[in-house]
Protein backbone atom coordinates (compact mmCIF):
# COMPACT_ATOMS: atom_id res chain seq x y z
CA UNK A 1 -43.63 -39.03 43.90
CA UNK A 2 -41.78 -41.65 41.86
CA UNK A 3 -43.76 -43.77 39.48
CA UNK A 4 -43.31 -47.47 39.99
CA UNK A 5 -42.67 -49.51 36.88
CA UNK A 6 -45.26 -52.10 36.15
CA UNK A 7 -43.79 -55.62 36.41
CA UNK A 8 -45.94 -57.14 33.69
CA UNK A 9 -45.20 -60.85 33.36
CA UNK A 10 -46.69 -62.83 30.48
CA UNK A 11 -46.48 -66.56 31.14
CA UNK A 12 -45.50 -68.65 28.08
CA UNK A 13 -44.73 -72.21 29.23
CA UNK A 14 -43.88 -74.22 32.33
CA UNK A 15 -42.06 -77.48 32.90
CA UNK A 16 -44.37 -79.34 35.28
CA UNK A 17 -42.50 -82.60 34.72
CA UNK A 18 -39.38 -81.05 36.29
CA UNK A 19 -41.25 -80.44 39.54
CA UNK A 20 -42.28 -84.10 39.53
CA UNK A 21 -38.81 -85.50 38.78
CA UNK A 22 -36.59 -83.14 40.81
CA UNK A 23 -36.25 -81.44 44.18
CA UNK A 24 -35.75 -77.77 43.29
CA UNK A 25 -33.34 -76.23 45.80
CA UNK A 26 -32.83 -72.80 44.23
CA UNK A 27 -34.06 -70.89 41.20
CA UNK A 28 -32.58 -68.14 39.03
CA UNK A 29 -33.98 -65.83 36.37
CA UNK A 30 -31.98 -65.73 33.14
CA UNK A 31 -32.38 -63.87 29.89
CA UNK A 32 -32.73 -65.87 26.70
CA UNK A 33 -30.81 -65.13 23.46
CA UNK A 34 -33.29 -65.46 20.60
CA UNK A 35 -33.65 -64.35 17.01
CA UNK A 36 -36.63 -62.25 15.82
CA UNK A 37 -38.85 -65.05 14.50
CA UNK A 38 -38.16 -67.11 17.64
CA UNK A 39 -39.48 -64.28 19.82
CA UNK A 40 -42.65 -64.05 17.75
CA UNK A 41 -43.11 -67.82 17.97
CA UNK A 42 -42.56 -67.67 21.72
CA UNK A 43 -45.22 -64.95 22.06
CA UNK A 44 -47.65 -67.34 20.33
CA UNK A 45 -46.66 -70.02 22.89
CA UNK A 46 -45.23 -72.33 20.22
CA UNK A 47 -42.66 -73.89 22.56
CA UNK A 48 -42.00 -77.29 24.10
CA UNK A 49 -39.86 -77.73 27.20
CA UNK A 50 -39.85 -81.54 27.12
CA UNK A 51 -36.35 -82.99 27.53
CA UNK A 52 -34.80 -79.51 27.86
CA UNK A 53 -31.92 -78.90 30.25
CA UNK A 54 -29.31 -76.27 31.03
CA UNK A 55 -25.57 -76.80 31.04
CA UNK A 56 -22.55 -74.68 31.95
CA UNK A 57 -19.72 -74.59 29.39
CA UNK A 58 -16.67 -72.34 29.59
CA UNK A 59 -18.14 -70.00 32.18
CA UNK A 60 -21.39 -69.54 30.23
CA UNK A 61 -24.82 -71.12 30.57
CA UNK A 62 -26.66 -72.75 27.67
CA UNK A 63 -30.16 -74.15 27.29
CA UNK A 64 -30.33 -77.39 25.28
CA UNK A 65 -33.30 -79.09 23.55
CA UNK A 66 -35.75 -76.21 24.03
CA UNK A 67 -37.95 -76.59 20.97
CA UNK A 68 -39.40 -73.35 19.55
CA UNK A 69 -41.50 -74.00 16.46
CA UNK A 70 -40.76 -71.82 13.41
CA UNK A 71 -42.88 -68.69 13.10
CA UNK A 72 -45.49 -69.38 10.44
CA UNK A 73 -45.63 -65.82 9.03
CA UNK A 74 -41.86 -65.39 8.68
CA UNK A 75 -41.09 -64.48 5.08
CA UNK A 76 -37.45 -63.52 5.57
CA UNK A 77 -36.30 -66.99 4.55
CA UNK A 78 -34.06 -67.30 7.61
CA UNK A 79 -34.72 -70.81 8.87
CA UNK A 80 -33.45 -71.98 12.22
CA UNK A 81 -33.27 -75.32 13.94
CA UNK A 82 -36.19 -75.55 16.40
CA UNK A 83 -34.22 -77.40 19.12
CA UNK A 84 -30.93 -75.51 18.82
CA UNK A 85 -28.77 -74.61 21.81
CA UNK A 86 -29.56 -71.14 23.19
CA UNK A 87 -27.39 -68.98 25.41
CA UNK A 88 -28.67 -67.95 28.84
CA UNK A 89 -27.83 -64.46 30.12
CA UNK A 90 -26.88 -64.48 33.81
CA UNK A 91 -24.88 -62.14 36.01
CA UNK A 92 -21.30 -63.24 36.65
CA UNK A 93 -21.92 -63.69 40.39
CA UNK A 94 -24.87 -65.99 39.65
CA UNK A 95 -22.76 -67.96 37.15
CA UNK A 96 -20.00 -68.46 39.72
CA UNK A 97 -22.56 -69.63 42.27
CA UNK A 98 -24.08 -72.06 39.76
CA UNK A 99 -20.68 -73.43 38.70
CA UNK A 100 -19.91 -74.26 42.33
CA UNK A 101 -23.34 -75.78 42.95
CA UNK A 102 -23.45 -77.91 39.80
CA UNK A 103 -20.00 -79.35 40.53
CA UNK A 104 -21.54 -81.15 43.54
CA UNK A 105 -22.61 -84.67 42.55
CA UNK A 106 -26.31 -85.05 41.87
CA UNK A 107 -27.06 -81.38 41.13
CA UNK A 108 -28.28 -80.27 37.73
CA UNK A 109 -29.94 -77.27 36.09
CA UNK A 110 -33.46 -77.60 34.69
CA UNK A 111 -35.67 -74.93 33.10
CA UNK A 112 -38.85 -74.40 35.11
CA UNK A 113 -40.77 -71.80 33.12
CA UNK A 114 -40.52 -69.31 30.28
CA UNK A 115 -42.13 -65.88 30.42
CA UNK A 116 -41.86 -62.32 29.17
CA UNK A 117 -40.96 -59.66 31.71
CA UNK A 118 -41.22 -56.06 30.50
CA UNK A 119 -41.00 -57.37 26.93
CA UNK A 120 -37.85 -59.45 27.44
CA UNK A 121 -37.86 -63.25 27.15
CA UNK A 122 -36.83 -64.83 30.45
CA UNK A 123 -36.39 -68.38 31.62
CA UNK A 124 -36.48 -69.51 35.26
CA UNK A 125 -33.87 -72.20 35.80
CA UNK A 126 -33.76 -74.31 38.92
CA UNK A 127 -30.87 -75.95 40.69
CA UNK A 128 -32.23 -79.45 41.18
CA UNK A 129 -31.52 -82.89 42.60
CA UNK A 130 -33.17 -85.97 41.13
CA UNK A 131 -35.95 -87.65 43.08
CA UNK A 132 -36.02 -91.36 43.71
CA UNK A 133 -39.14 -93.44 43.00
CA UNK A 134 -40.06 -93.55 46.70
CA UNK A 135 -39.96 -89.73 46.90
CA UNK A 136 -42.29 -89.50 43.91
CA UNK A 137 -44.73 -91.92 45.53
CA UNK A 138 -44.67 -89.89 48.76
CA UNK A 139 -45.47 -86.71 46.83
CA UNK A 140 -48.40 -88.41 45.10
CA UNK A 141 -49.73 -89.64 48.47
CA UNK A 142 -49.50 -86.11 49.94
CA UNK A 143 -51.36 -84.62 46.99
CA UNK A 144 -54.09 -87.27 47.26
CA UNK A 145 -54.51 -86.61 50.99
CA UNK A 146 -54.71 -82.84 50.44
CA UNK A 147 -57.31 -83.36 47.71
CA UNK A 148 -59.38 -85.58 50.02
CA UNK A 149 -59.19 -83.03 52.85
CA UNK A 150 -60.33 -80.24 50.51
CA UNK A 151 -63.15 -82.39 49.16
CA UNK A 152 -64.30 -83.29 52.69
CA UNK A 153 -64.04 -79.66 53.81
CA UNK A 154 -66.23 -78.51 50.89
CA UNK A 155 -68.82 -81.21 51.49
CA UNK A 156 -69.05 -80.31 55.22
CA UNK A 157 -69.94 -76.71 54.41
CA UNK A 158 -72.39 -77.49 51.62
CA UNK A 159 -74.76 -79.54 53.56
């Protein structure tokens, strides 16, 4: 009987603003190239995904403006820029697919969440299209209606 490996996922951060501003059509899991102190900082959830985005350059994917605060107990003296560009590790077939998809007008890559999977830092990037103001208002209306229905449903069963 083969033992199944445990898929332990430790959630670090999510980009909720991306779900509000974009229609996510597809998502991919990518590895993240980090230095030692950056990994320790990430484990302490010292990260900000505001204004971060992914871009394809020369057949490779890079994550821009992901801010990882410096690790406070790092005594090696190796300082790094918190919002530096970081390389994303994707399979070549996924990269080719993304290059074709991003070339279509209106498509972009946004990071959705950062997590650790089996000890490795991963980022979920989404192929996205920007929402218009009317789409955002429609989403807000749907959420409000769902909230009202849930509230009414709970009150009907309570008394």
